[in-house]
Amino acid sequence: MSQTLTPEVLWAQRSSVADAAKNFIYLTISVPDVPKDDLKLDLKPTGVTFTGKSSTLKNTYHVELELFGEIDPAESRVNHTAKNIEMKLQKKELKEEYWPRLLKDSKKLHFLKTDFDKWVDEDEQNEAADDDMSKFGDMGGMPGMGGDFGGIDFSKLGGGAGGMPDMSGMGLEGMPEFSSSGHAESDDDDDDDDDDDDAMPELEGEEEKKAEAEAAPKA
């Protein structure tokens, strides 16, 4: 018999006084393998309610979050994967300052944690790389919000952590190759070797023979 548990919830945020696209909450509910039919996600301006059953863990998970500030449910987005439910919750008020915490209640909760993979300090967010929002679909058709999954891309359900990052953009193809001795090999080294060959001194005795040959009378 399944039991109802509280899932782990991770969060991070961005803020902007002028750009709505940079004024949001990252919220991740860590429940794996929740089928479409066993998922309810209800967004309100002041809170988030999630209920879902994991087909592999055989448990039902439920959490209700009363947020510190208001969000815009219509402008919020979701990415449902085999690993979790990721959300981009659009903050309603444009402000330069971060929310001091995620929830209205300041009480510490064991299941709520900072998402350090996504977190950027408030004074460093302008220098941070742009966030990839392409994976987030439209929130309007989520179960519990009138309709099915709408714009969610179910091709990502086989996702998980993904593969190794593409290293081609890091310039590694231009790195020198290394010989068995541990020294770098490059075209410049070959040029140096050629120069060394050109500057090699003549063998001892060769100069005397050459001088005698030049001094001998020609026939």
C-alpha atoms as a PDB file:
ATOM      1  CA  MET A   1       0.000   0.000   0.000  1.00  0.00           C
ATOM      2  CA  SER A   2       1.450   3.357  -1.028  1.00  0.00           C
ATOM      3  CA  GLN A   3       1.945   6.187   1.425  1.00  0.00           C
ATOM      4  CA  THR A   4       1.925   9.937   0.923  1.00  0.00           C
ATOM      5  CA  LEU A   5       5.327  11.561   1.350  1.00  0.00           C
ATOM      6  CA  THR A   6       6.744  15.069   1.041  1.00  0.00           C
ATOM      7  CA  PRO A   7       9.124  15.410  -1.935  1.00  0.00           C
ATOM      8  CA  GLU A   8      12.445  17.205  -1.918  1.00  0.00           C
ATOM      9  CA  VAL A   9      12.050  20.741  -3.286  1.00  0.00           C
ATOM     10  CA  LEU A  10      14.968  22.746  -4.694  1.00  0.00           C
ATOM     11  CA  TRP A  11      14.872  26.432  -5.517  1.00  0.00           C
ATOM     12  CA  ALA A  12      16.904  29.330  -6.886  1.00  0.00           C
ATOM     13  CA  GLN A  13      15.987  32.761  -8.255  1.00  0.00           C
ATOM     14  CA  ARG A  14      16.798  35.705 -10.489  1.00  0.00           C
ATOM     15  CA  SER A  15      15.625  39.307 -10.210  1.00  0.00           C
ATOM     16  CA  SER A  16      15.341  42.381 -12.392  1.00  0.00           C
ATOM     17  CA  VAL A  17      13.683  45.753 -12.055  1.00  0.00           C
ATOM     18  CA  ALA A  18      13.399  46.215 -15.845  1.00  0.00           C
ATOM     19  CA  ASP A  19      13.418  42.806 -17.575  1.00  0.00           C
ATOM     20  CA  ALA A  20      10.567  40.414 -16.756  1.00  0.00           C
ATOM     21  CA  ALA A  21      12.422  37.556 -18.437  1.00  0.00           C
ATOM     22  CA  LYS A  22      15.062  37.811 -15.717  1.00  0.00           C
ATOM     23  CA  ASN A  23      12.660  38.005 -12.786  1.00  0.00           C
ATOM     24  CA  PHE A  24      11.669  34.486 -11.754  1.00  0.00           C
ATOM     25  CA  ILE A  25      11.954  31.532  -9.372  1.00  0.00           C
ATOM     26  CA  TYR A  26      13.478  28.175 -10.312  1.00  0.00           C
ATOM     27  CA  LEU A  27      11.510  25.441  -8.527  1.00  0.00           C
ATOM     28  CA  THR A  28      12.303  21.731  -8.860  1.00  0.00           C
ATOM     29  CA  ILE A  29      10.197  18.978  -7.291  1.00  0.00           C
ATOM     30  CA  SER A  30      12.355  15.863  -7.144  1.00  0.00           C
ATOM     31  CA  VAL A  31      10.006  12.961  -7.811  1.00  0.00           C
ATOM     32  CA  PRO A  32      11.034  10.461 -10.513  1.00  0.00           C
ATOM     33  CA  ASP A  33       8.786   8.672 -13.002  1.00  0.00           C
ATOM     34  CA  VAL A  34       5.489  10.473 -12.444  1.00  0.00           C
ATOM     35  CA  PRO A  35       3.140   9.612 -15.345  1.00  0.00           C
ATOM     36  CA  LYS A  36       0.908  12.255 -16.849  1.00  0.00           C
ATOM     37  CA  ASP A  37      -2.220  10.661 -15.394  1.00  0.00           C
ATOM     38  CA  ASP A  38      -0.788  10.664 -11.860  1.00  0.00           C
ATOM     39  CA  LEU A  39       0.298  14.286 -11.734  1.00  0.00           C
ATOM     40  CA  LYS A  40      -1.519  17.393 -10.524  1.00  0.00           C
ATOM     41  CA  LEU A  41       0.150  20.774 -10.426  1.00  0.00           C
ATOM     42  CA  ASP A  42      -1.862  23.761  -9.268  1.00  0.00           C
ATOM     43  CA  LEU A  43      -0.385  27.249  -9.526  1.00  0.00           C
ATOM     44  CA  LYS A  44      -1.942  30.239  -7.849  1.00  0.00           C
ATOM     45  CA  PRO A  45      -0.513  33.768  -7.525  1.00  0.00           C
ATOM     46  CA  THR A  46       0.421  33.011  -3.932  1.00  0.00           C
ATOM     47  CA  GLY A  47       1.321  29.331  -4.000  1.00  0.00           C
ATOM     48  CA  VAL A  48       2.113  25.984  -5.625  1.00  0.00           C
ATOM     49  CA  THR A  49       0.438  22.640  -4.928  1.00  0.00           C
ATOM     50  CA  PHE A  50       1.854  19.387  -6.274  1.00  0.00           C
ATOM     51  CA  THR A  51       0.549  15.824  -6.076  1.00  0.00           C
ATOM     52  CA  GLY A  52       2.119  12.983  -8.013  1.00  0.00           C
ATOM     53  CA  LYS A  53       2.649   9.240  -7.800  1.00  0.00           C
ATOM     54  CA  SER A  54       5.987   7.716  -8.748  1.00  0.00           C
ATOM     55  CA  SER A  55       5.539   4.569 -10.803  1.00  0.00           C
ATOM     56  CA  THR A  56       8.933   3.202  -9.694  1.00  0.00           C
ATOM     57  CA  LEU A  57       8.936   4.239  -6.028  1.00  0.00           C
ATOM     58  CA  LYS A  58       5.256   3.255  -5.643  1.00  0.00           C
ATOM     59  CA  ASN A  59       4.581   6.246  -3.401  1.00  0.00           C
ATOM     60  CA  THR A  60       2.395   9.324  -3.700  1.00  0.00           C
ATOM     61  CA  TYR A  61       4.052  12.674  -3.064  1.00  0.00           C
ATOM     62  CA  HIS A  62       2.303  15.873  -2.018  1.00  0.00           C
ATOM     63  CA  VAL A  63       3.460  19.366  -1.121  1.00  0.00           C
ATOM     64  CA  GLU A  64       1.816  22.780  -0.717  1.00  0.00           C
ATOM     65  CA  LEU A  65       3.998  25.886  -0.840  1.00  0.00           C
ATOM     66  CA  GLU A  66       2.781  29.331   0.184  1.00  0.00           C
ATOM     67  CA  LEU A  67       5.202  31.678  -1.545  1.00  0.00           C
ATOM     68  CA  PHE A  68       6.880  34.754  -0.097  1.00  0.00           C
ATOM     69  CA  GLY A  69       5.672  36.951  -2.967  1.00  0.00           C
ATOM     70  CA  GLU A  70       3.217  36.672  -5.834  1.00  0.00           C
ATOM     71  CA  ILE A  71       3.830  34.945  -9.151  1.00  0.00           C
ATOM     72  CA  ASP A  72       2.111  35.121 -12.531  1.00  0.00           C
ATOM     73  CA  PRO A  73       0.811  31.581 -13.266  1.00  0.00           C
ATOM     74  CA  ALA A  74       0.012  32.416 -16.906  1.00  0.00           C
ATOM     75  CA  GLU A  75       3.632  33.404 -17.594  1.00  0.00           C
ATOM     76  CA  SER A  76       5.186  30.544 -15.651  1.00  0.00           C
ATOM     77  CA  ARG A  77       6.662  27.482 -17.392  1.00  0.00           C
ATOM     78  CA  VAL A  78       7.299  23.792 -16.688  1.00  0.00           C
ATOM     79  CA  ASN A  79       9.624  21.003 -17.820  1.00  0.00           C
ATOM     80  CA  HIS A  80       8.420  17.502 -16.862  1.00  0.00           C
ATOM     81  CA  THR A  81      11.154  14.856 -17.085  1.00  0.00           C
ATOM     82  CA  ALA A  82      11.645  11.284 -15.915  1.00  0.00           C
ATOM     83  CA  LYS A  83      13.698  12.667 -13.040  1.00  0.00           C
ATOM     84  CA  ASN A  84      11.668  15.599 -11.711  1.00  0.00           C
ATOM     85  CA  ILE A  85       9.267  18.489 -12.337  1.00  0.00           C
ATOM     86  CA  GLU A  86      11.107  21.735 -13.089  1.00  0.00           C
ATOM     87  CA  MET A  87       9.304  25.068 -13.000  1.00  0.00           C
ATOM     88  CA  LYS A  88      10.138  28.655 -13.894  1.00  0.00           C
ATOM     89  CA  LEU A  89       7.765  30.727 -11.797  1.00  0.00           C
ATOM     90  CA  GLN A  90       7.436  34.281 -13.067  1.00  0.00           C
ATOM     91  CA  LYS A  91       7.607  36.830 -10.256  1.00  0.00           C
ATOM     92  CA  LYS A  92       4.737  39.267 -10.506  1.00  0.00           C
ATOM     93  CA  GLU A  93       6.595  42.316  -9.172  1.00  0.00           C
ATOM     94  CA  LEU A  94       9.691  43.582 -10.941  1.00  0.00           C
ATOM     95  CA  LYS A  95      12.299  44.234  -8.272  1.00  0.00           C
ATOM     96  CA  GLU A  96      16.054  44.447  -8.224  1.00  0.00           C
ATOM     97  CA  GLU A  97      16.231  42.703  -4.850  1.00  0.00           C
ATOM     98  CA  TYR A  98      15.914  38.957  -4.357  1.00  0.00           C
ATOM     99  CA  TRP A  99      13.143  37.483  -2.276  1.00  0.00           C
ATOM    100  CA  PRO A 100      14.669  36.931   1.177  1.00  0.00           C
ATOM    101  CA  ARG A 101      13.292  33.367   1.125  1.00  0.00           C
ATOM    102  CA  LEU A 102      10.995  31.190  -0.982  1.00  0.00           C
ATOM    103  CA  LEU A 103       8.104  30.816   1.440  1.00  0.00           C
ATOM    104  CA  LYS A 104       5.984  33.278   3.356  1.00  0.00           C
ATOM    105  CA  ASP A 105       6.683  31.424   6.603  1.00  0.00           C
ATOM    106  CA  SER A 106      10.288  31.762   7.753  1.00  0.00           C
ATOM    107  CA  LYS A 107      10.189  28.348   9.447  1.00  0.00           C
ATOM    108  CA  LYS A 108      12.967  26.043   8.229  1.00  0.00           C
ATOM    109  CA  LEU A 109      11.671  22.949   6.407  1.00  0.00           C
ATOM    110  CA  HIS A 110      13.778  19.811   6.010  1.00  0.00           C
ATOM    111  CA  PHE A 111      12.596  19.096   2.454  1.00  0.00           C
ATOM    112  CA  LEU A 112      13.296  22.591   1.079  1.00  0.00           C
ATOM    113  CA  LYS A 113      16.852  23.187  -0.158  1.00  0.00           C
ATOM    114  CA  THR A 114      18.799  25.723  -2.192  1.00  0.00           C
ATOM    115  CA  ASP A 115      19.498  24.585  -5.756  1.00  0.00           C
ATOM    116  CA  PHE A 116      23.203  25.398  -5.884  1.00  0.00           C
ATOM    117  CA  ASP A 117      23.456  24.244  -9.518  1.00  0.00           C
ATOM    118  CA  LYS A 118      21.200  27.148 -10.518  1.00  0.00           C
ATOM    119  CA  TRP A 119      21.855  29.664  -7.765  1.00  0.00           C
ATOM    120  CA  VAL A 120      23.635  32.935  -8.563  1.00  0.00           C
ATOM    121  CA  ASP A 121      24.304  35.593  -5.943  1.00  0.00           C
ATOM    122  CA  GLU A 122      22.226  38.726  -6.325  1.00  0.00           C
ATOM    123  CA  ASP A 123      25.210  40.984  -7.022  1.00  0.00           C
ATOM    124  CA  GLU A 124      26.667  38.571  -9.595  1.00  0.00           C
ATOM    125  CA  GLN A 125      23.621  37.713 -11.691  1.00  0.00           C
ATOM    126  CA  ASN A 126      24.357  40.307 -14.392  1.00  0.00           C
ATOM    127  CA  GLU A 127      27.717  38.650 -15.066  1.00  0.00           C
ATOM    128  CA  ALA A 128      26.264  35.127 -15.063  1.00  0.00           C
ATOM    129  CA  ALA A 129      25.609  33.249 -18.301  1.00  0.00           C
ATOM    130  CA  ASP A 130      22.112  33.510 -19.741  1.00  0.00           C
ATOM    131  CA  ASP A 131      19.760  30.804 -18.528  1.00  0.00           C
ATOM    132  CA  ASP A 132      18.569  28.179 -21.003  1.00  0.00           C
ATOM    133  CA  MET A 133      14.775  28.485 -21.093  1.00  0.00           C
ATOM    134  CA  SER A 134      14.240  26.418 -24.229  1.00  0.00           C
ATOM    135  CA  LYS A 135      13.365  23.289 -22.232  1.00  0.00           C
ATOM    136  CA  PHE A 136      10.420  24.927 -20.471  1.00  0.00           C
ATOM    137  CA  GLY A 137       6.966  24.499 -22.010  1.00  0.00           C
ATOM    138  CA  ASP A 138       3.707  26.391 -21.573  1.00  0.00           C
ATOM    139  CA  MET A 139       2.154  26.045 -18.111  1.00  0.00           C
ATOM    140  CA  GLY A 140      -1.382  26.644 -19.286  1.00  0.00           C
ATOM    141  CA  GLY A 141      -2.305  22.999 -19.920  1.00  0.00           C
ATOM    142  CA  MET A 142      -0.949  21.362 -16.762  1.00  0.00           C
ATOM    143  CA  PRO A 143      -3.168  18.785 -15.028  1.00  0.00           C
ATOM    144  CA  GLY A 144      -5.104  20.464 -12.272  1.00  0.00           C
ATOM    145  CA  MET A 145      -5.174  23.653 -14.334  1.00  0.00           C
ATOM    146  CA  GLY A 146      -7.779  22.671 -16.889  1.00  0.00           C
ATOM    147  CA  GLY A 147      -6.556  20.391 -19.675  1.00  0.00           C
ATOM    148  CA  ASP A 148      -3.627  18.116 -20.400  1.00  0.00           C
ATOM    149  CA  PHE A 149       0.059  18.930 -20.688  1.00  0.00           C
ATOM    150  CA  GLY A 150      -0.257  21.412 -23.521  1.00  0.00           C
ATOM    151  CA  GLY A 151       3.202  22.553 -24.589  1.00  0.00           C
ATOM    152  CA  ILE A 152       5.252  20.132 -22.493  1.00  0.00           C
ATOM    153  CA  ASP A 153       7.789  18.163 -24.498  1.00  0.00           C
ATOM    154  CA  PHE A 154       7.420  14.511 -23.515  1.00  0.00           C
ATOM    155  CA  SER A 155      10.434  13.593 -25.621  1.00  0.00           C
ATOM    156  CA  LYS A 156      12.426  14.752 -22.594  1.00  0.00           C
ATOM    157  CA  LEU A 157      10.997  11.988 -20.411  1.00  0.00           C
ATOM    158  CA  GLY A 158      13.950   9.767 -21.233  1.00  0.00           C
ATOM    159  CA  GLY A 159      16.279  12.547 -20.189  1.00  0.00           C
ATOM    160  CA  GLY A 160      17.818  12.336 -16.763  1.00  0.00           C
ATOM    161  CA  ALA A 161      21.168  13.929 -16.220  1.00  0.00           C
ATOM    162  CA  GLY A 162      22.132  13.969 -19.892  1.00  0.00           C
ATOM    163  CA  GLY A 163      25.471  13.171 -21.482  1.00  0.00           C
ATOM    164  CA  MET A 164      28.839  14.783 -21.307  1.00  0.00           C
ATOM    165  CA  PRO A 165      29.012  18.445 -22.332  1.00  0.00           C
ATOM    166  CA  ASP A 166      30.152  19.307 -25.821  1.00  0.00           C
ATOM    167  CA  MET A 167      33.815  20.223 -25.528  1.00  0.00           C
ATOM    168  CA  SER A 168      34.166  21.523 -29.088  1.00  0.00           C
ATOM    169  CA  GLY A 169      33.464  25.074 -28.007  1.00  0.00           C
ATOM    170  CA  MET A 170      36.283  25.113 -25.492  1.00  0.00           C
ATOM    171  CA  GLY A 171      39.069  25.351 -28.049  1.00  0.00           C
ATOM    172  CA  LEU A 172      40.522  21.958 -27.120  1.00  0.00           C
ATOM    173  CA  GLU A 173      41.025  21.109 -30.766  1.00  0.00           C
ATOM    174  CA  GLY A 174      43.780  23.708 -30.805  1.00  0.00           C
ATOM    175  CA  MET A 175      45.647  22.231 -27.841  1.00  0.00           C
ATOM    176  CA  PRO A 176      49.093  20.738 -28.584  1.00  0.00           C
ATOM    177  CA  GLU A 177      49.504  16.994 -28.641  1.00  0.00           C
ATOM    178  CA  PHE A 178      51.851  15.467 -26.115  1.00  0.00           C
ATOM    179  CA  SER A 179      54.627  12.975 -26.808  1.00  0.00           C
ATOM    180  CA  SER A 180      55.443  10.025 -24.582  1.00  0.00           C
ATOM    181  CA  SER A 181      58.038  12.166 -22.829  1.00  0.00           C
ATOM    182  CA  GLY A 182      55.336  14.617 -21.744  1.00  0.00           C
ATOM    183  CA  HIS A 183      56.544  17.464 -23.958  1.00  0.00           C
ATOM    184  CA  ALA A 184      54.136  19.298 -26.233  1.00  0.00           C
ATOM    185  CA  GLU A 185      54.556  18.695 -29.933  1.00  0.00           C
ATOM    186  CA  SER A 186      53.648  21.419 -32.416  1.00  0.00           C
ATOM    187  CA  ASP A 187      54.553  22.833 -35.806  1.00  0.00           C
ATOM    188  CA  ASP A 188      56.684  25.478 -34.092  1.00  0.00           C
ATOM    189  CA  ASP A 189      58.890  22.750 -32.632  1.00  0.00           C
ATOM    190  CA  ASP A 190      59.473  21.359 -36.134  1.00  0.00           C
ATOM    191  CA  ASP A 191      60.531  24.789 -37.373  1.00  0.00           C
ATOM    192  CA  ASP A 192      63.009  25.091 -34.514  1.00  0.00           C
ATOM    193  CA  ASP A 193      64.493  21.707 -35.419  1.00  0.00           C
ATOM    194  CA  ASP A 194      65.014  22.880 -39.024  1.00  0.00           C
ATOM    195  CA  ASP A 195      66.789  25.992 -37.818  1.00  0.00           C
ATOM    196  CA  ASP A 196      69.035  23.897 -35.608  1.00  0.00           C
ATOM    197  CA  ASP A 197      69.962  21.672 -38.569  1.00  0.00           C
ATOM    198  CA  ASP A 198      70.910  24.698 -40.681  1.00  0.00           C
ATOM    199  CA  ALA A 199      73.172  26.012 -37.949  1.00  0.00           C
ATOM    200  CA  MET A 200      75.044  22.739 -37.317  1.00  0.00           C
ATOM    201  CA  PRO A 201      78.892  23.311 -37.303  1.00  0.00           C
ATOM    202  CA  GLU A 202      80.987  21.421 -39.869  1.00  0.00           C
ATOM    203  CA  LEU A 203      82.821  18.371 -38.651  1.00  0.00           C
ATOM    204  CA  GLU A 204      86.422  18.745 -37.447  1.00  0.00           C
ATOM    205  CA  GLY A 205      88.926  18.482 -40.372  1.00  0.00           C
ATOM    206  CA  GLU A 206      86.363  19.240 -43.060  1.00  0.00           C
ATOM    207  CA  GLU A 207      87.257  22.945 -43.139  1.00  0.00           C
ATOM    208  CA  GLU A 208      91.004  22.165 -43.765  1.00  0.00           C
ATOM    209  CA  LYS A 209      90.231  19.773 -46.624  1.00  0.00           C
ATOM    210  CA  LYS A 210      87.949  22.342 -48.210  1.00  0.00           C
ATOM    211  CA  ALA A 211      90.643  25.031 -48.018  1.00  0.00           C
ATOM    212  CA  GLU A 212      93.303  22.763 -49.575  1.00  0.00           C
ATOM    213  CA  ALA A 213      90.943  21.878 -52.440  1.00  0.00           C
ATOM    214  CA  GLU A 214      90.341  25.529 -53.211  1.00  0.00           C
ATOM    215  CA  ALA A 215      94.086  26.370 -53.110  1.00  0.00           C
ATOM    216  CA  ALA A 216      95.140  23.541 -55.435  1.00  0.00           C
ATOM    217  CA  PRO A 217      95.959  24.645 -59.055  1.00  0.00           C
ATOM    218  CA  LYS A 218      93.206  23.830 -61.454  1.00  0.00           C
ATOM    219  CA  ALA A 219      94.049  21.546 -64.399  1.00  0.00           C
END
